Amino acid sequence: MSDDSRPLDCLRCPAFCCKIAGYVEVSEYDIRRLAKFLGLTKSEFEAKHIVERTRRGKKHIKAEYETCQFLDSKRRCTVYEARPTDCRGYYCWDAEDQSVYRAAAFIQVPVRTQQKEDRENRK
């Protein structure tokens, strides 16, 4: 966790991690798990859900600035039980790029609290 970040309540966030946090790479294991969860073959899953392949052969189910295809209208993950490793390990307060954390904190943490913490962190 960075010095000026604290855990937030993910259920109170408008799912910024699924909307703006960047790519979601999937491993072969992730693909098999997701395909099974969705009742698809591995080939069917890849044809339907892989949105990008890199030159190095990495596969993405979410492009950098796109909303994740598995996010529903209520801001919930429709494949949560089978979500990829990238998603399982992502917490905005631990991310190197603090943009998502700052946006989420703006919504969840009262401005006075944020101002106080900013002043304390500058000391």
N, C-alpha and C. Protein backbone atom coordinates (compact mmCIF):
# COMPACT_ATOMS: atom_id res chain seq x y z
N MET A 1 0.86 -1.18 0.00
CA MET A 1 0.00 0.00 0.00
C MET A 1 0.89 1.23 0.00
N SER A 2 0.58 2.20 -0.83
CA SER A 2 1.39 3.41 -0.83
C SER A 2 1.18 4.19 0.45
N ASP A 3 2.09 5.09 0.75
CA ASP A 3 2.05 5.83 2.02
C ASP A 3 0.76 6.61 2.23
N ASP A 4 0.19 7.14 1.14
CA ASP A 4 -0.97 8.01 1.30
C ASP A 4 -2.28 7.32 0.90
N SER A 5 -2.27 5.99 0.76
CA SER A 5 -3.47 5.27 0.35
C SER A 5 -3.93 4.33 1.45
N ARG A 6 -5.22 4.23 1.59
CA ARG A 6 -5.79 3.27 2.53
C ARG A 6 -6.88 2.50 1.79
N PRO A 7 -7.17 1.30 2.26
CA PRO A 7 -8.21 0.51 1.58
C PRO A 7 -9.54 1.25 1.54
N LEU A 8 -10.25 1.06 0.45
CA LEU A 8 -11.58 1.64 0.27
C LEU A 8 -12.60 0.51 0.21
N ASP A 9 -13.86 0.87 0.23
CA ASP A 9 -14.95 -0.10 0.12
C ASP A 9 -15.29 -0.28 -1.36
N CYS A 10 -14.88 -1.41 -1.92
CA CYS A 10 -15.09 -1.66 -3.35
C CYS A 10 -16.57 -1.61 -3.73
N LEU A 11 -17.46 -1.98 -2.83
CA LEU A 11 -18.88 -1.98 -3.15
C LEU A 11 -19.47 -0.57 -3.21
N ARG A 12 -18.74 0.42 -2.72
CA ARG A 12 -19.21 1.81 -2.78
C ARG A 12 -18.63 2.55 -3.98
N CYS A 13 -17.84 1.87 -4.78
CA CYS A 13 -17.18 2.49 -5.93
C CYS A 13 -17.98 2.21 -7.21
N PRO A 14 -17.95 3.13 -8.16
CA PRO A 14 -18.63 2.87 -9.43
C PRO A 14 -17.81 1.98 -10.37
N ALA A 15 -16.99 1.11 -9.81
CA ALA A 15 -16.21 0.12 -10.57
C ALA A 15 -15.17 0.77 -11.49
N PHE A 16 -14.46 1.74 -10.96
CA PHE A 16 -13.43 2.39 -11.76
C PHE A 16 -12.38 1.39 -12.25
N CYS A 17 -12.06 0.39 -11.42
CA CYS A 17 -11.05 -0.59 -11.83
C CYS A 17 -11.50 -1.34 -13.08
N CYS A 18 -12.77 -1.55 -13.24
CA CYS A 18 -13.30 -2.27 -14.40
C CYS A 18 -13.56 -1.35 -15.59
N LYS A 19 -13.47 -0.06 -15.35
CA LYS A 19 -13.74 0.90 -16.41
C LYS A 19 -12.48 1.59 -16.93
N ILE A 20 -11.57 1.97 -16.03
CA ILE A 20 -10.45 2.79 -16.47
C ILE A 20 -9.08 2.29 -16.05
N ALA A 21 -9.00 1.18 -15.33
CA ALA A 21 -7.72 0.78 -14.75
C ALA A 21 -6.71 0.22 -15.74
N GLY A 22 -7.10 -0.10 -16.94
CA GLY A 22 -6.15 -0.61 -17.92
C GLY A 22 -6.54 -1.98 -18.45
N TYR A 23 -5.55 -2.66 -18.98
CA TYR A 23 -5.78 -3.96 -19.59
C TYR A 23 -6.04 -5.03 -18.54
N VAL A 24 -6.77 -6.08 -18.95
CA VAL A 24 -6.89 -7.28 -18.13
C VAL A 24 -6.34 -8.42 -18.99
N GLU A 25 -5.17 -8.88 -18.59
CA GLU A 25 -4.54 -10.00 -19.29
C GLU A 25 -5.06 -11.30 -18.70
N VAL A 26 -5.24 -12.30 -19.57
CA VAL A 26 -5.68 -13.60 -19.10
C VAL A 26 -4.65 -14.66 -19.49
N SER A 27 -4.37 -15.52 -18.53
CA SER A 27 -3.47 -16.65 -18.77
C SER A 27 -4.29 -17.80 -19.37
N GLU A 28 -3.60 -18.85 -19.78
CA GLU A 28 -4.31 -20.03 -20.29
C GLU A 28 -5.20 -20.61 -19.19
N TYR A 29 -4.70 -20.60 -17.96
CA TYR A 29 -5.50 -21.09 -16.83
C TYR A 29 -6.76 -20.23 -16.64
N ASP A 30 -6.60 -18.91 -16.73
CA ASP A 30 -7.75 -18.00 -16.61
C ASP A 30 -8.77 -18.29 -17.70
N ILE A 31 -8.29 -18.49 -18.91
CA ILE A 31 -9.18 -18.75 -20.04
C ILE A 31 -9.96 -20.03 -19.82
N ARG A 32 -9.29 -21.09 -19.38
CA ARG A 32 -9.99 -22.36 -19.11
C ARG A 32 -11.04 -22.19 -18.01
N ARG A 33 -10.66 -21.47 -16.94
CA ARG A 33 -11.59 -21.26 -15.83
C ARG A 33 -12.81 -20.45 -16.27
N LEU A 34 -12.59 -19.37 -17.02
CA LEU A 34 -13.68 -18.54 -17.50
C LEU A 34 -14.57 -19.29 -18.49
N ALA A 35 -13.94 -20.03 -19.39
CA ALA A 35 -14.71 -20.80 -20.38
C ALA A 35 -15.62 -21.80 -19.68
N LYS A 36 -15.07 -22.51 -18.72
CA LYS A 36 -15.87 -23.49 -17.98
C LYS A 36 -17.03 -22.81 -17.26
N PHE A 37 -16.75 -21.68 -16.61
CA PHE A 37 -17.77 -20.94 -15.88
C PHE A 37 -18.91 -20.50 -16.81
N LEU A 38 -18.55 -20.10 -18.03
CA LEU A 38 -19.54 -19.61 -18.99
C LEU A 38 -20.14 -20.72 -19.86
N GLY A 39 -19.69 -21.95 -19.66
CA GLY A 39 -20.22 -23.06 -20.44
C GLY A 39 -19.76 -23.05 -21.88
N LEU A 40 -18.54 -22.57 -22.11
CA LEU A 40 -17.97 -22.49 -23.45
C LEU A 40 -16.73 -23.36 -23.55
N THR A 41 -16.37 -23.71 -24.76
CA THR A 41 -15.07 -24.34 -24.95
C THR A 41 -14.02 -23.24 -24.90
N LYS A 42 -12.78 -23.63 -24.76
CA LYS A 42 -11.69 -22.65 -24.74
C LYS A 42 -11.69 -21.85 -26.05
N SER A 43 -11.85 -22.53 -27.16
CA SER A 43 -11.87 -21.86 -28.48
C SER A 43 -13.05 -20.89 -28.60
N GLU A 44 -14.21 -21.32 -28.13
CA GLU A 44 -15.39 -20.45 -28.17
C GLU A 44 -15.16 -19.21 -27.31
N PHE A 45 -14.60 -19.42 -26.11
CA PHE A 45 -14.33 -18.28 -25.23
C PHE A 45 -13.39 -17.29 -25.91
N GLU A 46 -12.31 -17.80 -26.46
CA GLU A 46 -11.33 -16.91 -27.10
C GLU A 46 -11.95 -16.16 -28.27
N ALA A 47 -12.71 -16.84 -29.09
CA ALA A 47 -13.33 -16.18 -30.24
C ALA A 47 -14.29 -15.07 -29.81
N LYS A 48 -14.98 -15.31 -28.72
CA LYS A 48 -16.02 -14.37 -28.28
C LYS A 48 -15.49 -13.27 -27.35
N HIS A 49 -14.49 -13.57 -26.51
CA HIS A 49 -14.15 -12.65 -25.43
C HIS A 49 -12.72 -12.06 -25.44
N ILE A 50 -11.83 -12.60 -26.23
CA ILE A 50 -10.49 -12.00 -26.30
C ILE A 50 -10.59 -10.77 -27.20
N VAL A 51 -10.29 -9.61 -26.63
CA VAL A 51 -10.44 -8.36 -27.39
C VAL A 51 -9.12 -7.88 -28.00
N GLU A 52 -8.02 -8.47 -27.55
CA GLU A 52 -6.72 -8.02 -28.04
C GLU A 52 -5.67 -9.09 -27.80
N ARG A 53 -4.79 -9.25 -28.78
CA ARG A 53 -3.62 -10.13 -28.65
C ARG A 53 -2.39 -9.27 -28.91
N THR A 54 -1.41 -9.38 -28.03
CA THR A 54 -0.20 -8.59 -28.21
C THR A 54 0.77 -9.33 -29.13
N ARG A 55 1.80 -8.64 -29.56
CA ARG A 55 2.82 -9.27 -30.40
C ARG A 55 3.50 -10.43 -29.69
N ARG A 56 3.55 -10.35 -28.39
CA ARG A 56 4.18 -11.41 -27.59
C ARG A 56 3.23 -12.53 -27.23
N GLY A 57 2.01 -12.48 -27.75
CA GLY A 57 1.06 -13.56 -27.53
C GLY A 57 0.20 -13.43 -26.30
N LYS A 58 0.29 -12.32 -25.60
CA LYS A 58 -0.56 -12.13 -24.42
C LYS A 58 -1.99 -11.82 -24.89
N LYS A 59 -2.95 -12.27 -24.10
CA LYS A 59 -4.35 -12.10 -24.46
C LYS A 59 -5.05 -11.24 -23.43
N HIS A 60 -5.91 -10.34 -23.92
CA HIS A 60 -6.64 -9.42 -23.04
C HIS A 60 -8.14 -9.60 -23.23
N ILE A 61 -8.86 -9.50 -22.11
CA ILE A 61 -10.32 -9.49 -22.18
C ILE A 61 -10.87 -8.08 -21.96
N LYS A 62 -9.96 -7.14 -21.65
CA LYS A 62 -10.33 -5.73 -21.48
C LYS A 62 -9.22 -4.89 -22.08
N ALA A 63 -9.59 -3.99 -22.96
CA ALA A 63 -8.63 -3.07 -23.54
C ALA A 63 -8.38 -1.93 -22.57
N GLU A 64 -7.33 -1.19 -22.80
CA GLU A 64 -6.85 -0.20 -21.82
C GLU A 64 -7.91 0.77 -21.33
N TYR A 65 -8.61 1.44 -22.21
CA TYR A 65 -9.56 2.48 -21.78
C TYR A 65 -11.01 2.07 -21.97
N GLU A 66 -11.26 0.80 -22.13
CA GLU A 66 -12.61 0.30 -22.32
C GLU A 66 -13.17 -0.25 -21.01
N THR A 67 -14.48 -0.30 -20.92
CA THR A 67 -15.13 -0.94 -19.77
C THR A 67 -15.07 -2.44 -19.97
N CYS A 68 -14.82 -3.17 -18.92
CA CYS A 68 -14.75 -4.62 -19.01
C CYS A 68 -16.09 -5.18 -19.50
N GLN A 69 -15.99 -6.09 -20.43
CA GLN A 69 -17.18 -6.72 -21.01
C GLN A 69 -18.00 -7.51 -20.00
N PHE A 70 -17.41 -7.85 -18.85
CA PHE A 70 -18.10 -8.65 -17.86
C PHE A 70 -18.70 -7.82 -16.72
N LEU A 71 -18.68 -6.51 -16.85
CA LEU A 71 -19.28 -5.62 -15.85
C LEU A 71 -20.74 -5.40 -16.22
N ASP A 72 -21.65 -5.64 -15.27
CA ASP A 72 -23.07 -5.47 -15.59
C ASP A 72 -23.54 -4.05 -15.28
N SER A 73 -24.81 -3.79 -15.55
CA SER A 73 -25.36 -2.44 -15.38
C SER A 73 -25.44 -2.01 -13.92
N LYS A 74 -25.31 -2.96 -12.99
CA LYS A 74 -25.32 -2.64 -11.57
C LYS A 74 -23.91 -2.56 -11.00
N ARG A 75 -22.92 -2.48 -11.90
CA ARG A 75 -21.50 -2.36 -11.55
C ARG A 75 -20.99 -3.60 -10.81
N ARG A 76 -21.47 -4.75 -11.18
CA ARG A 76 -21.02 -6.00 -10.58
C ARG A 76 -20.39 -6.88 -11.66
N CYS A 77 -19.42 -7.65 -11.26
CA CYS A 77 -18.74 -8.56 -12.17
C CYS A 77 -19.61 -9.80 -12.39
N THR A 78 -19.90 -10.09 -13.64
CA THR A 78 -20.75 -11.24 -13.95
C THR A 78 -19.98 -12.56 -13.94
N VAL A 79 -18.65 -12.49 -13.83
CA VAL A 79 -17.83 -13.71 -13.77
C VAL A 79 -16.98 -13.70 -12.51
N TYR A 80 -17.46 -13.06 -11.46
CA TYR A 80 -16.66 -12.84 -10.26
C TYR A 80 -16.03 -14.13 -9.72
N GLU A 81 -16.79 -15.20 -9.65
CA GLU A 81 -16.26 -16.46 -9.11
C GLU A 81 -15.11 -17.01 -9.94
N ALA A 82 -15.09 -16.70 -11.23
CA ALA A 82 -14.06 -17.21 -12.14
C ALA A 82 -13.16 -16.10 -12.67
N ARG A 83 -13.20 -14.94 -12.05
CA ARG A 83 -12.46 -13.77 -12.57
C ARG A 83 -10.97 -14.08 -12.75
N PRO A 84 -10.34 -13.39 -13.68
CA PRO A 84 -8.92 -13.62 -13.98
C PRO A 84 -8.00 -13.25 -12.81
N THR A 85 -6.81 -13.79 -12.86
CA THR A 85 -5.79 -13.52 -11.85
C THR A 85 -5.53 -12.02 -11.72
N ASP A 86 -5.47 -11.30 -12.86
CA ASP A 86 -5.26 -9.85 -12.81
C ASP A 86 -6.30 -9.17 -11.93
N CYS A 87 -7.54 -9.58 -12.03
CA CYS A 87 -8.61 -8.97 -11.25
C CYS A 87 -8.56 -9.40 -9.79
N ARG A 88 -8.21 -10.64 -9.56
CA ARG A 88 -8.14 -11.16 -8.19
C ARG A 88 -7.09 -10.42 -7.37
N GLY A 89 -6.03 -9.99 -8.01
CA GLY A 89 -4.94 -9.34 -7.28
C GLY A 89 -4.93 -7.83 -7.34
N TYR A 90 -5.93 -7.23 -7.99
CA TYR A 90 -5.92 -5.78 -8.16
C TYR A 90 -6.66 -5.07 -7.03
N TYR A 91 -5.98 -4.14 -6.39
CA TYR A 91 -6.59 -3.25 -5.41
C TYR A 91 -6.08 -1.86 -5.74
N CYS A 92 -6.97 -0.93 -5.97
CA CYS A 92 -6.54 0.40 -6.43
C CYS A 92 -5.59 1.07 -5.45
N TRP A 93 -5.72 0.77 -4.15
CA TRP A 93 -4.86 1.42 -3.17
C TRP A 93 -3.44 0.85 -3.18
N ASP A 94 -3.23 -0.27 -3.86
CA ASP A 94 -1.90 -0.86 -3.98
C ASP A 94 -1.29 -0.65 -5.37
N ALA A 95 -2.02 -0.05 -6.27
CA ALA A 95 -1.55 0.12 -7.64
C ALA A 95 -0.50 1.22 -7.72
N GLU A 96 0.47 1.01 -8.61
CA GLU A 96 1.51 2.02 -8.81
C GLU A 96 0.91 3.33 -9.30
N ASP A 97 0.02 3.24 -10.28
CA ASP A 97 -0.70 4.40 -10.79
C ASP A 97 -1.88 4.66 -9.85
N GLN A 98 -1.88 5.77 -9.18
CA GLN A 98 -2.89 6.07 -8.16
C GLN A 98 -4.13 6.78 -8.71
N SER A 99 -4.27 6.87 -10.03
CA SER A 99 -5.41 7.57 -10.63
C SER A 99 -6.75 6.96 -10.23
N VAL A 100 -6.85 5.63 -10.31
CA VAL A 100 -8.11 4.96 -9.96
C VAL A 100 -8.39 5.15 -8.48
N TYR A 101 -7.37 5.00 -7.65
CA TYR A 101 -7.55 5.20 -6.21
C TYR A 101 -8.06 6.61 -5.91
N ARG A 102 -7.45 7.60 -6.51
CA ARG A 102 -7.85 8.99 -6.23
C ARG A 102 -9.29 9.24 -6.65
N ALA A 103 -9.69 8.70 -7.79
CA ALA A 103 -11.08 8.86 -8.24
C ALA A 103 -12.04 8.18 -7.27
N ALA A 104 -11.70 6.97 -6.85
CA ALA A 104 -12.56 6.23 -5.92
C ALA A 104 -12.61 6.92 -4.55
N ALA A 105 -11.47 7.41 -4.09
CA ALA A 105 -11.42 8.09 -2.80
C ALA A 105 -12.25 9.37 -2.83
N PHE A 106 -12.23 10.07 -3.96
CA PHE A 106 -13.01 11.30 -4.09
C PHE A 106 -14.49 11.03 -3.85
N ILE A 107 -14.95 9.88 -4.30
CA ILE A 107 -16.36 9.52 -4.14
C ILE A 107 -16.66 9.02 -2.72
N GLN A 108 -15.71 8.33 -2.11
CA GLN A 108 -15.97 7.65 -0.84
C GLN A 108 -15.54 8.41 0.41
N VAL A 109 -14.50 9.18 0.31
CA VAL A 109 -13.92 9.82 1.49
C VAL A 109 -14.32 11.29 1.51
N PRO A 110 -14.87 11.78 2.62
CA PRO A 110 -15.25 13.18 2.68
C PRO A 110 -14.07 14.10 2.33
N VAL A 111 -14.36 15.18 1.66
CA VAL A 111 -13.32 16.11 1.21
C VAL A 111 -12.48 16.61 2.39
N ARG A 112 -13.11 16.93 3.50
CA ARG A 112 -12.34 17.41 4.66
C ARG A 112 -11.32 16.37 5.12
N THR A 113 -11.71 15.11 5.10
CA THR A 113 -10.79 14.05 5.50
C THR A 113 -9.63 13.97 4.51
N GLN A 114 -9.92 14.07 3.23
CA GLN A 114 -8.87 14.03 2.21
C GLN A 114 -7.92 15.22 2.36
N GLN A 115 -8.48 16.40 2.60
CA GLN A 115 -7.64 17.59 2.78
C GLN A 115 -6.72 17.43 3.98
N LYS A 116 -7.26 16.92 5.08
CA LYS A 116 -6.46 16.71 6.28
C LYS A 116 -5.33 15.73 6.01
N GLU A 117 -5.65 14.62 5.35
CA GLU A 117 -4.62 13.63 5.02
C GLU A 117 -3.56 14.20 4.09
N ASP A 118 -3.98 15.01 3.12
CA ASP A 118 -3.01 15.64 2.20
C ASP A 118 -2.05 16.55 2.97
N ARG A 119 -2.61 17.33 3.91
CA ARG A 119 -1.75 18.22 4.71
C ARG A 119 -0.76 17.41 5.53
N GLU A 120 -1.25 16.33 6.14
CA GLU A 120 -0.37 15.49 6.97
C GLU A 120 0.71 14.80 6.13
N ASN A 121 0.37 14.41 4.93
CA ASN A 121 1.34 13.74 4.06
C ASN A 121 2.41 14.69 3.52
N ARG A 122 2.10 15.97 3.47
CA ARG A 122 3.09 16.96 3.00
C ARG A 122 4.13 17.28 4.04
N LYS A 123 3.82 16.98 5.30
CA LYS A 123 4.74 17.31 6.40
C LYS A 123 5.97 16.45 6.38
